[in-house]
N, C-alpha and C. Protein backbone atom coordinates (compact mmCIF):
# COMPACT_ATOMS: atom_id res chain seq x y z
N UNK A 1 6.16 20.95 7.87
CA UNK A 1 7.46 20.26 8.00
C UNK A 1 7.86 19.56 6.72
N UNK A 2 8.94 19.80 6.22
CA UNK A 2 9.53 18.97 4.61
C UNK A 2 8.78 18.10 4.31
N UNK A 3 8.38 17.69 3.55
CA UNK A 3 8.68 16.19 3.10
C UNK A 3 10.06 15.83 2.15
N UNK A 4 9.77 14.51 2.26
CA UNK A 4 10.68 13.91 1.37
C UNK A 4 10.28 13.41 0.09
N UNK A 5 11.29 13.48 -0.73
CA UNK A 5 10.46 13.42 -1.96
C UNK A 5 10.25 11.99 -2.22
N UNK A 6 10.59 10.75 -1.58
CA UNK A 6 9.85 9.43 -2.01
C UNK A 6 9.23 8.91 -0.57
N UNK A 7 8.10 8.67 -0.83
CA UNK A 7 7.25 8.26 0.41
C UNK A 7 6.82 6.48 0.11
N UNK A 8 6.99 6.02 0.86
CA UNK A 8 6.63 4.54 1.09
C UNK A 8 5.35 4.32 2.43
N UNK A 9 4.43 3.95 1.46
CA UNK A 9 3.21 3.83 2.18
C UNK A 9 2.21 3.02 2.56
N UNK A 10 2.35 2.16 3.91
CA UNK A 10 1.31 1.44 4.27
C UNK A 10 0.06 1.69 4.39
N UNK A 11 -1.05 0.83 3.49
CA UNK A 11 -2.35 1.51 4.50
C UNK A 11 -3.21 0.21 4.88
N UNK A 12 -4.26 -0.04 5.03
CA UNK A 12 -5.08 -1.23 5.61
C UNK A 12 -5.42 -1.58 7.40
N UNK A 13 -5.96 -2.29 7.69
CA UNK A 13 -6.44 -2.48 9.07
C UNK A 13 -6.26 -3.71 9.39
N UNK A 14 -5.63 -3.58 10.34
CA UNK A 14 -4.58 -4.70 11.52
C UNK A 14 -6.11 -5.48 11.94
N UNK A 15 -6.55 -4.97 12.24
CA UNK A 15 -8.02 -5.99 12.98
C UNK A 15 -8.10 -6.93 12.24
N UNK A 16 -8.40 -6.92 10.65
CA UNK A 16 -8.67 -7.67 9.44
C UNK A 16 -7.69 -8.42 8.84
N UNK A 17 -6.90 -9.14 9.94
CA UNK A 17 -5.64 -9.97 9.60
C UNK A 17 -4.81 -9.78 8.17
N UNK A 18 -5.08 -10.36 6.91
CA UNK A 18 -4.26 -9.80 5.84
C UNK A 18 -4.79 -8.44 5.11
N UNK A 19 -5.69 -8.12 5.52
CA UNK A 19 -5.62 -6.59 5.00
C UNK A 19 -4.51 -5.44 5.83
N UNK A 20 -4.15 -5.70 6.76
CA UNK A 20 -2.70 -5.02 7.16
C UNK A 20 -1.34 -5.33 6.82
N UNK A 21 -1.61 -6.14 5.98
CA UNK A 21 -0.12 -6.26 5.02
C UNK A 21 0.52 -5.14 4.62
N UNK A 22 0.34 -4.42 4.42
CA UNK A 22 0.55 -2.83 4.42
C UNK A 22 1.79 -2.60 5.50
N UNK A 23 1.04 -2.45 6.30
CA UNK A 23 1.19 -2.12 7.85
C UNK A 23 2.48 -2.92 8.14
N UNK A 24 2.41 -4.14 8.17
CA UNK A 24 3.51 -5.36 8.14
C UNK A 24 4.80 -5.00 7.45
N UNK A 25 4.50 -4.49 6.35
CA UNK A 25 5.45 -4.53 5.57
C UNK A 25 6.60 -3.32 6.06
N UNK A 26 5.70 -2.21 6.01
CA UNK A 26 6.43 -0.44 6.67
C UNK A 26 7.23 -0.69 7.64
N UNK A 27 6.98 -2.10 8.71
CA UNK A 27 7.23 -1.78 10.19
C UNK A 27 8.63 -2.54 9.73
N UNK A 28 8.46 -3.41 9.13
CA UNK A 28 10.10 -4.27 8.73
C UNK A 28 10.62 -3.28 8.25
N UNK A 29 10.71 -2.46 7.48
CA UNK A 29 10.98 -1.48 6.50
C UNK A 29 11.99 -0.44 7.30
N UNK A 30 11.10 -0.03 7.92
CA UNK A 30 11.39 1.03 9.21
C UNK A 30 13.14 0.92 10.16
N UNK A 31 13.03 -0.68 10.04
CA UNK A 31 14.12 -1.44 10.76
C UNK A 31 15.18 -1.32 9.77
N UNK A 32 15.56 -0.83 8.41
CA UNK A 32 16.49 -1.04 7.79
C UNK A 32 16.68 0.30 7.80
N UNK A 33 18.43 0.10 7.18
CA UNK A 33 18.60 1.86 6.78
C UNK A 33 18.31 1.93 5.36
N UNK A 34 17.93 2.70 4.76
CA UNK A 34 17.34 3.17 3.76
C UNK A 34 17.45 4.93 3.49
N UNK A 35 17.80 5.36 1.97
CA UNK A 35 17.99 6.56 1.78
C UNK A 35 17.37 7.12 2.21
N UNK A 36 18.27 8.91 3.20
CA UNK A 36 17.85 9.99 3.38
C UNK A 36 16.54 10.91 3.17
N UNK A 37 16.23 10.29 1.56
CA UNK A 37 15.18 11.19 0.69
C UNK A 37 13.97 9.90 0.89
N UNK A 38 13.88 9.00 1.38
CA UNK A 38 12.77 8.23 1.54
C UNK A 38 11.75 8.26 3.51
N UNK A 39 10.58 8.60 3.07
CA UNK A 39 10.27 8.36 4.07
C UNK A 39 8.69 7.48 4.12
N UNK A 40 9.23 6.83 5.66
CA UNK A 40 8.19 5.41 5.50
C UNK A 40 6.78 6.30 6.55
N UNK A 41 5.52 5.85 6.24
CA UNK A 41 4.17 6.21 7.12
C UNK A 41 3.67 4.99 7.04
N UNK A 42 2.83 4.78 8.09
CA UNK A 42 1.93 3.60 8.56
C UNK A 42 0.70 4.40 8.06
N UNK A 43 -0.04 4.79 6.96
CA UNK A 43 -1.30 5.66 6.51
C UNK A 43 -2.00 4.21 7.25
N UNK A 44 -2.29 2.98 7.80
CA UNK A 44 -3.48 2.69 8.37
C UNK A 44 -4.97 2.53 7.17
N UNK A 45 -5.58 3.10 8.60
CA UNK A 45 -6.72 3.57 7.76
C UNK A 45 -7.33 5.15 8.02
N UNK A 46 -5.95 6.00 7.14
CA UNK A 46 -5.89 7.36 7.41
C UNK A 46 -6.58 8.45 7.20
N UNK A 47 -8.01 7.45 6.30
CA UNK A 47 -8.90 8.44 5.75
C UNK A 47 -8.27 9.64 4.78
N UNK A 48 -8.62 10.72 5.20
CA UNK A 48 -8.21 11.77 3.94
C UNK A 48 -7.17 12.17 4.38
N UNK A 49 -6.35 12.39 5.49
CA UNK A 49 -5.03 12.67 5.94
C UNK A 49 -4.00 12.42 4.64
N UNK A 50 -4.87 11.05 3.56
CA UNK A 50 -3.71 10.29 2.94
C UNK A 50 -3.41 11.49 1.33
N UNK A 51 -4.55 12.31 1.52
CA UNK A 51 -4.08 13.21 0.50
C UNK A 51 -2.81 14.44 0.81
N UNK A 52 -2.96 14.50 1.76
CA UNK A 52 -1.66 15.29 2.41
C UNK A 52 -0.62 14.81 2.20
N UNK A 53 -0.33 13.03 2.87
CA UNK A 53 0.56 12.26 2.70
C UNK A 53 1.31 12.51 1.55
N UNK A 54 0.49 12.01 0.19
CA UNK A 54 1.30 11.86 -1.13
C UNK A 54 1.53 12.64 -1.93
N UNK A 55 0.67 13.59 -1.47
CA UNK A 55 0.84 15.35 -2.68
C UNK A 55 2.27 15.50 -2.61
N UNK A 56 2.40 16.10 -4.21
CA UNK A 56 3.51 17.26 -4.50
C UNK A 56 5.05 15.74 -3.91
N UNK A 57 4.64 14.95 -4.20
CA UNK A 57 6.08 14.22 -4.04
C UNK A 57 6.42 13.44 -5.23
N UNK A 58 7.66 13.10 -5.66
CA UNK A 58 8.48 12.48 -6.96
C UNK A 58 7.98 11.32 -7.07
N UNK A 59 8.07 10.94 -6.07
CA UNK A 59 7.33 8.96 -5.47
C UNK A 59 6.64 9.00 -4.80
N UNK A 60 5.53 7.80 -4.56
CA UNK A 60 4.69 7.68 -3.82
C UNK A 60 4.68 5.54 -4.26
N UNK A 61 4.99 5.10 -2.96
CA UNK A 61 4.82 3.69 -2.80
C UNK A 61 3.75 3.11 -2.26
N UNK A 62 2.82 2.78 -2.68
CA UNK A 62 1.53 2.26 -1.72
C UNK A 62 1.80 0.46 -1.32
N UNK A 63 1.69 -0.10 -0.19
CA UNK A 63 1.26 -1.05 0.10
C UNK A 63 0.26 -1.52 0.31
N UNK A 64 -0.40 -2.47 -0.15
CA UNK A 64 -1.79 -2.49 0.51
C UNK A 64 -2.07 -4.28 0.03
N UNK A 65 -3.28 -4.40 0.70
CA UNK A 65 -3.86 -5.62 0.44
C UNK A 65 -5.38 -5.50 -0.88
N UNK A 66 -5.09 -6.08 -2.02
CA UNK A 66 -5.82 -5.97 -2.72
C UNK A 66 -6.48 -7.27 -3.48
N UNK A 67 -7.84 -7.53 -3.57
CA UNK A 67 -8.81 -8.47 -3.79
C UNK A 67 -8.76 -8.57 -5.09
N UNK A 68 -7.65 -9.24 -6.25
CA UNK A 68 -7.87 -9.27 -7.53
C UNK A 68 -8.69 -10.72 -8.08
N UNK A 69 -9.07 -11.73 -7.22
CA UNK A 69 -9.55 -12.96 -8.01
C UNK A 69 -8.60 -13.96 -7.85
N UNK A 70 -7.22 -13.31 -7.45
CA UNK A 70 -6.28 -14.51 -7.93
C UNK A 70 -5.59 -15.35 -6.55
N UNK A 71 -5.07 -15.82 -7.00
CA UNK A 71 -4.90 -17.02 -5.59
C UNK A 71 -3.81 -16.17 -4.68
N UNK A 72 -4.63 -16.21 -3.31
CA UNK A 72 -3.31 -15.41 -1.69
C UNK A 72 -2.25 -15.81 -2.26
N UNK A 73 -1.67 -14.41 -1.71
CA UNK A 73 -0.20 -14.19 -1.85
C UNK A 73 0.58 -13.69 -3.22
N UNK A 74 -0.90 -13.74 -3.88
CA UNK A 74 -0.13 -13.10 -5.35
C UNK A 74 -0.05 -11.98 -5.47
N UNK A 75 1.26 -11.08 -6.03
CA UNK A 75 1.59 -9.86 -5.63
C UNK A 75 1.13 -8.91 -7.06
N UNK A 76 0.78 -8.27 -6.66
CA UNK A 76 0.50 -6.94 -8.47
C UNK A 76 1.41 -5.54 -8.15
N UNK A 77 2.23 -5.42 -9.38
CA UNK A 77 2.62 -4.10 -9.08
C UNK A 77 2.15 -3.06 -10.31
N UNK A 78 1.44 -1.99 -10.00
CA UNK A 78 0.75 -1.15 -10.92
C UNK A 78 1.41 0.22 -10.85
N UNK A 79 1.39 0.99 -11.74
CA UNK A 79 1.68 2.29 -12.05
C UNK A 79 0.49 3.15 -11.55
N UNK A 80 0.58 4.20 -11.52
CA UNK A 80 -0.75 4.76 -11.22
C UNK A 80 -1.67 4.86 -12.23
N UNK A 81 -1.60 5.20 -13.75
CA UNK A 81 -2.44 4.88 -14.54
C UNK A 81 -2.96 3.48 -15.03
N UNK A 82 -2.16 2.43 -14.49
CA UNK A 82 -2.62 0.98 -14.74
C UNK A 82 -3.26 0.87 -13.34
N UNK A 83 -3.33 1.33 -12.10
CA UNK A 83 -4.08 1.51 -10.69
C UNK A 83 -5.71 2.00 -11.44
N UNK A 84 -5.49 3.02 -11.85
CA UNK A 84 -6.80 3.52 -12.23
C UNK A 84 -7.52 2.89 -13.14
N UNK A 85 -6.80 2.39 -14.20
CA UNK A 85 -7.44 2.04 -15.49
C UNK A 85 -8.00 0.38 -15.11
N UNK A 86 -7.30 -0.47 -14.50
CA UNK A 86 -7.27 -1.75 -14.38
C UNK A 86 -8.48 -2.21 -13.32
N UNK A 87 -8.34 -1.24 -11.63
CA UNK A 87 -9.03 -1.16 -10.64
C UNK A 87 -10.21 -0.55 -10.43
N UNK A 88 -10.54 0.37 -11.48
CA UNK A 88 -11.70 1.76 -11.30
C UNK A 88 -13.17 0.64 -11.18
N UNK A 89 -13.23 -0.37 -11.77
CA UNK A 89 -14.26 -1.36 -11.95
C UNK A 89 -14.20 -2.29 -11.19
N UNK A 90 -13.57 -2.84 -10.40
CA UNK A 90 -12.71 -4.12 -9.85
C UNK A 90 -12.44 -3.85 -8.84
N UNK A 91 -12.74 -2.84 -7.85
CA UNK A 91 -12.25 -2.31 -6.49
C UNK A 91 -13.17 -3.26 -5.70
N UNK A 92 -12.53 -4.24 -4.62
CA UNK A 92 -12.73 -5.48 -3.84
C UNK A 92 -12.90 -4.85 -2.56
N UNK A 93 -12.26 -3.44 -1.93
CA UNK A 93 -12.25 -3.19 -0.85
C UNK A 93 -12.43 -1.64 -0.19
N UNK A 94 -13.25 -1.28 0.93
CA UNK A 94 -13.44 -0.24 0.81
C UNK A 94 -12.18 0.44 0.75
N UNK A 95 -10.90 0.48 1.11
CA UNK A 95 -9.67 1.29 1.77
C UNK A 95 -8.92 1.26 0.35
N UNK A 96 -9.43 0.08 -0.83
CA UNK A 96 -8.50 0.33 -1.81
C UNK A 96 -9.47 1.78 -3.25
N UNK A 97 -10.99 1.87 -2.80
CA UNK A 97 -11.77 2.65 -3.16
C UNK A 97 -11.22 4.15 -3.01
N UNK A 98 -11.22 4.04 -1.26
CA UNK A 98 -10.91 5.23 -0.75
C UNK A 98 -9.57 5.96 -1.59
N UNK A 99 -8.02 4.75 -1.42
CA UNK A 99 -7.20 5.47 -1.86
C UNK A 99 -7.32 6.51 -3.27
N UNK A 100 -7.93 5.43 -4.40
CA UNK A 100 -8.24 6.20 -5.59
C UNK A 100 -8.41 7.44 -5.44
N UNK A 101 -9.88 7.28 -4.77
CA UNK A 101 -10.12 8.50 -4.24
C UNK A 101 -9.36 9.86 -4.00
N UNK A 102 -8.32 9.36 -3.07
CA UNK A 102 -7.71 10.48 -2.82
C UNK A 102 -6.13 10.69 -3.42
N UNK A 103 -6.21 9.74 -4.35
CA UNK A 103 -5.47 10.14 -5.48
C UNK A 103 -5.79 10.71 -6.40
N UNK A 104 -7.02 10.83 -6.39
CA UNK A 104 -7.89 11.64 -7.69
C UNK A 104 -7.67 12.63 -7.39
N UNK A 105 -8.27 13.00 -6.18
CA UNK A 105 -8.19 14.22 -5.46
C UNK A 105 -6.88 14.77 -5.85
N UNK A 106 -5.61 14.45 -5.61
CA UNK A 106 -4.56 14.85 -5.76
C UNK A 106 -4.13 15.24 -7.29
N UNK A 107 -4.77 14.56 -7.93
CA UNK A 107 -4.85 15.03 -9.69
C UNK A 107 -5.66 16.08 -9.51
N UNK A 108 -6.68 15.92 -9.21
CA UNK A 108 -7.60 17.12 -9.73
C UNK A 108 -7.08 18.44 -9.15
N UNK A 109 -6.33 18.55 -8.02
CA UNK A 109 -5.73 19.49 -7.50
C UNK A 109 -4.32 20.01 -7.65
N UNK A 110 -4.11 19.29 -8.57
CA UNK A 110 -2.25 19.21 -9.62
C UNK A 110 -1.35 19.27 -8.43
N UNK A 111 -1.12 18.29 -7.48
CA UNK A 111 -0.62 17.81 -6.58
C UNK A 111 -0.42 16.51 -6.71
N UNK A 112 -0.71 15.52 -7.31
CA UNK A 112 -0.29 14.06 -7.58
C UNK A 112 0.78 14.39 -7.88
N UNK A 113 1.39 12.71 -7.20
CA UNK A 113 2.91 12.89 -7.38
C UNK A 113 3.58 12.15 -8.66
N UNK A 114 4.51 12.76 -8.80
CA UNK A 114 4.99 12.28 -10.45
C UNK A 114 4.81 11.07 -10.69
N UNK A 115 4.97 10.02 -9.32
CA UNK A 115 5.04 8.54 -9.83
C UNK A 115 4.49 8.44 -8.64
N UNK A 116 3.44 7.17 -9.07
CA UNK A 116 2.66 6.46 -8.01
C UNK A 116 2.82 4.89 -8.81
N UNK A 117 3.34 3.93 -7.33
CA UNK A 117 3.44 2.62 -7.84
C UNK A 117 2.54 2.39 -6.56
N UNK A 118 1.77 1.00 -6.55
CA UNK A 118 0.78 0.52 -6.04
C UNK A 118 1.60 -1.28 -6.05
N UNK A 119 1.63 -1.79 -4.65
CA UNK A 119 2.19 -2.91 -4.80
C UNK A 119 1.04 -3.35 -3.98
N UNK A 120 0.46 -4.13 -4.52
CA UNK A 120 -1.00 -4.88 -3.98
C UNK A 120 -1.02 -6.57 -3.93
N UNK A 121 -1.15 -7.30 -2.61
CA UNK A 121 -1.12 -8.32 -2.20
C UNK A 121 -2.21 -8.77 -2.50
N UNK A 122 -2.73 -10.20 -2.66
CA UNK A 122 -4.01 -10.88 -2.40
C UNK A 122 -3.76 -11.84 -1.47
N UNK A 123 -4.93 -11.07 -0.16
CA UNK A 123 -5.14 -12.07 0.87
C UNK A 123 -5.90 -12.93 0.67
N UNK A 124 -5.50 -13.69 1.92
CA UNK A 124 -5.63 -15.05 1.97
C UNK A 124 -7.12 -15.08 2.59
N UNK A 125 -7.10 -14.81 4.41
CA UNK A 125 -7.99 -14.00 5.35
C UNK A 125 -7.76 -12.85 5.68
N UNK A 126 -8.88 -12.37 5.75
CA UNK A 126 -9.42 -10.92 6.28
C UNK A 126 -10.16 -11.18 7.62
N UNK A 127 -10.29 -12.20 8.14
CA UNK A 127 -10.97 -12.17 9.56
C UNK A 127 -12.50 -13.05 8.93
N UNK A 128 -12.30 -13.50 7.45
CA UNK A 128 -13.60 -13.78 7.14
C UNK A 128 -14.02 -15.74 7.64
N UNK A 129 -12.54 -16.09 7.30
CA UNK A 129 -12.57 -17.77 7.82
C UNK A 129 -13.06 -18.44 8.44
N UNK A 130 -12.88 -17.70 10.38
CA UNK A 130 -13.73 -18.22 11.17
C UNK A 130 -14.47 -17.03 11.82
N UNK A 131 -14.55 -15.96 11.37
CA UNK A 131 -15.04 -14.37 11.97
C UNK A 131 -14.48 -14.04 13.20
N UNK A 132 -13.28 -14.17 13.14
CA UNK A 132 -12.44 -13.88 14.81
C UNK A 132 -11.32 -12.82 14.26
N UNK A 133 -11.46 -11.92 15.01
CA UNK A 133 -10.20 -10.86 14.38
C UNK A 133 -8.81 -11.12 14.71
N UNK A 134 -7.94 -10.94 14.07
CA UNK A 134 -6.35 -11.49 14.30
C UNK A 134 -5.55 -10.41 13.64
N UNK A 135 -4.49 -9.80 14.37
CA UNK A 135 -3.93 -9.09 14.17
C UNK A 135 -2.66 -9.53 13.08
N UNK A 136 -2.72 -11.12 13.35
CA UNK A 136 -1.10 -11.50 12.42
C UNK A 136 -1.81 -12.17 11.39
N UNK A 137 -0.47 -11.64 10.24
CA UNK A 137 -0.43 -12.44 9.19
C UNK A 137 -1.19 -13.47 8.49
N UNK A 138 -1.47 -13.97 7.88
CA UNK A 138 -1.57 -15.42 7.81
C UNK A 138 -0.32 -16.01 7.22
N UNK A 139 -0.01 -17.16 7.36
CA UNK A 139 1.42 -17.42 6.85
C UNK A 139 1.49 -17.56 5.46
N UNK A 140 0.51 -17.05 4.44
CA UNK A 140 0.60 -17.39 2.76
C UNK A 140 1.39 -16.06 2.82
N UNK A 141 0.53 -14.85 3.54
CA UNK A 141 1.03 -13.50 3.65
C UNK A 141 2.43 -13.14 4.34
N UNK A 142 2.58 -13.87 5.24
CA UNK A 142 3.98 -13.47 6.17
C UNK A 142 5.02 -14.12 5.31
N UNK A 143 4.88 -15.15 4.36
CA UNK A 143 6.39 -15.80 3.59
C UNK A 143 6.51 -14.83 2.59
N UNK A 144 5.19 -13.88 1.96
CA UNK A 144 5.84 -12.71 0.81
C UNK A 144 6.32 -11.74 1.28
N UNK A 145 6.57 -10.86 2.77
CA UNK A 145 6.83 -10.22 3.14
C UNK A 145 8.68 -9.83 2.61
N UNK A 146 8.93 -10.86 2.34
CA UNK A 146 10.85 -10.46 1.75
C UNK A 146 10.59 -10.31 0.15
N UNK A 147 9.52 -10.55 -0.34
CA UNK A 147 9.62 -10.61 -1.86
C UNK A 147 8.82 -9.08 -2.21
N UNK A 148 8.08 -8.26 -1.06
CA UNK A 148 7.79 -7.32 -1.18
C UNK A 148 8.47 -5.89 -0.79
N UNK A 149 9.32 -6.62 0.23
CA UNK A 149 10.62 -5.62 0.65
C UNK A 149 11.42 -5.73 -0.41
N UNK A 150 11.97 -6.77 -1.08
CA UNK A 150 12.76 -6.78 -2.26
C UNK A 150 12.05 -6.11 -3.14
N UNK A 151 10.81 -5.61 -3.75
CA UNK A 151 10.04 -5.08 -4.92
C UNK A 151 10.43 -3.74 -4.26
N UNK A 152 10.09 -3.21 -3.39
CA UNK A 152 9.73 -1.99 -2.56
C UNK A 152 11.53 -1.19 -2.63
N UNK A 153 12.41 -1.96 -2.35
CA UNK A 153 13.72 -1.59 -2.37
C UNK A 153 14.29 -1.53 -4.18
N UNK A 154 13.63 -2.36 -4.44
CA UNK A 154 14.00 -2.02 -6.37
C UNK A 154 13.39 -0.54 -6.89
N UNK A 155 12.16 -0.32 -6.03
CA UNK A 155 11.55 0.65 -6.50
C UNK A 155 12.59 2.28 -6.26
N UNK A 156 12.73 1.74 -4.58
CA UNK A 156 14.13 3.26 -4.42
C UNK A 156 15.20 2.74 -5.16
N UNK A 157 15.42 2.16 -5.76
CA UNK A 157 16.88 1.99 -6.36
C UNK A 157 17.66 1.44 -5.32
N UNK A 158 17.37 0.70 -4.51
CA UNK A 158 18.41 -0.28 -3.23
C UNK A 158 18.77 -1.37 -3.95
C-alpha cells in the first residue's frame, strides 16, 4: 500500500477521557475535505505499528494529550527536535514515552519523516477525577477542538 506524503495521526486512549483527544480530533478531520496527499489515521494505542505509520513520510502531524503542568486545555506545538529535547526529561504519560521511542526508532533506521509536528493538549480529566472511565472529552478540551483543527489545517496549508 502506498503511503500518502502527509500523515495526520491521532493517538491516545478513549477510555481515559481527555487522553483520547487526538482520536476525537482525527474523527472530525475525517469528515472534512482534505487534499489528496493527506492521510488520516487513528493510531490509538497502536504500539509499534506507529513506526510503520510514520516512517518515510514527508510530514507527520501527531495530535495527543500531553501533560506538561500547564493549564487544562493549553495547546502546545513542537517540531521533532523540540519534542525530543523538551520532553525527554518531562514525559508524563506512557503513550508519550512510547511515541518518542517509535520516532527515535525511525531516526535510527533512517526512515524518519522529513518533518514531525506534535500538537499536544493539556488534559483536564484522564479518568482520575472521579475514578470512572468516560469516553467523552471534558468540556474544557471539547472547546479546544476547533482551535486544534485550525492548527492542523495551517500545517497542511489549508
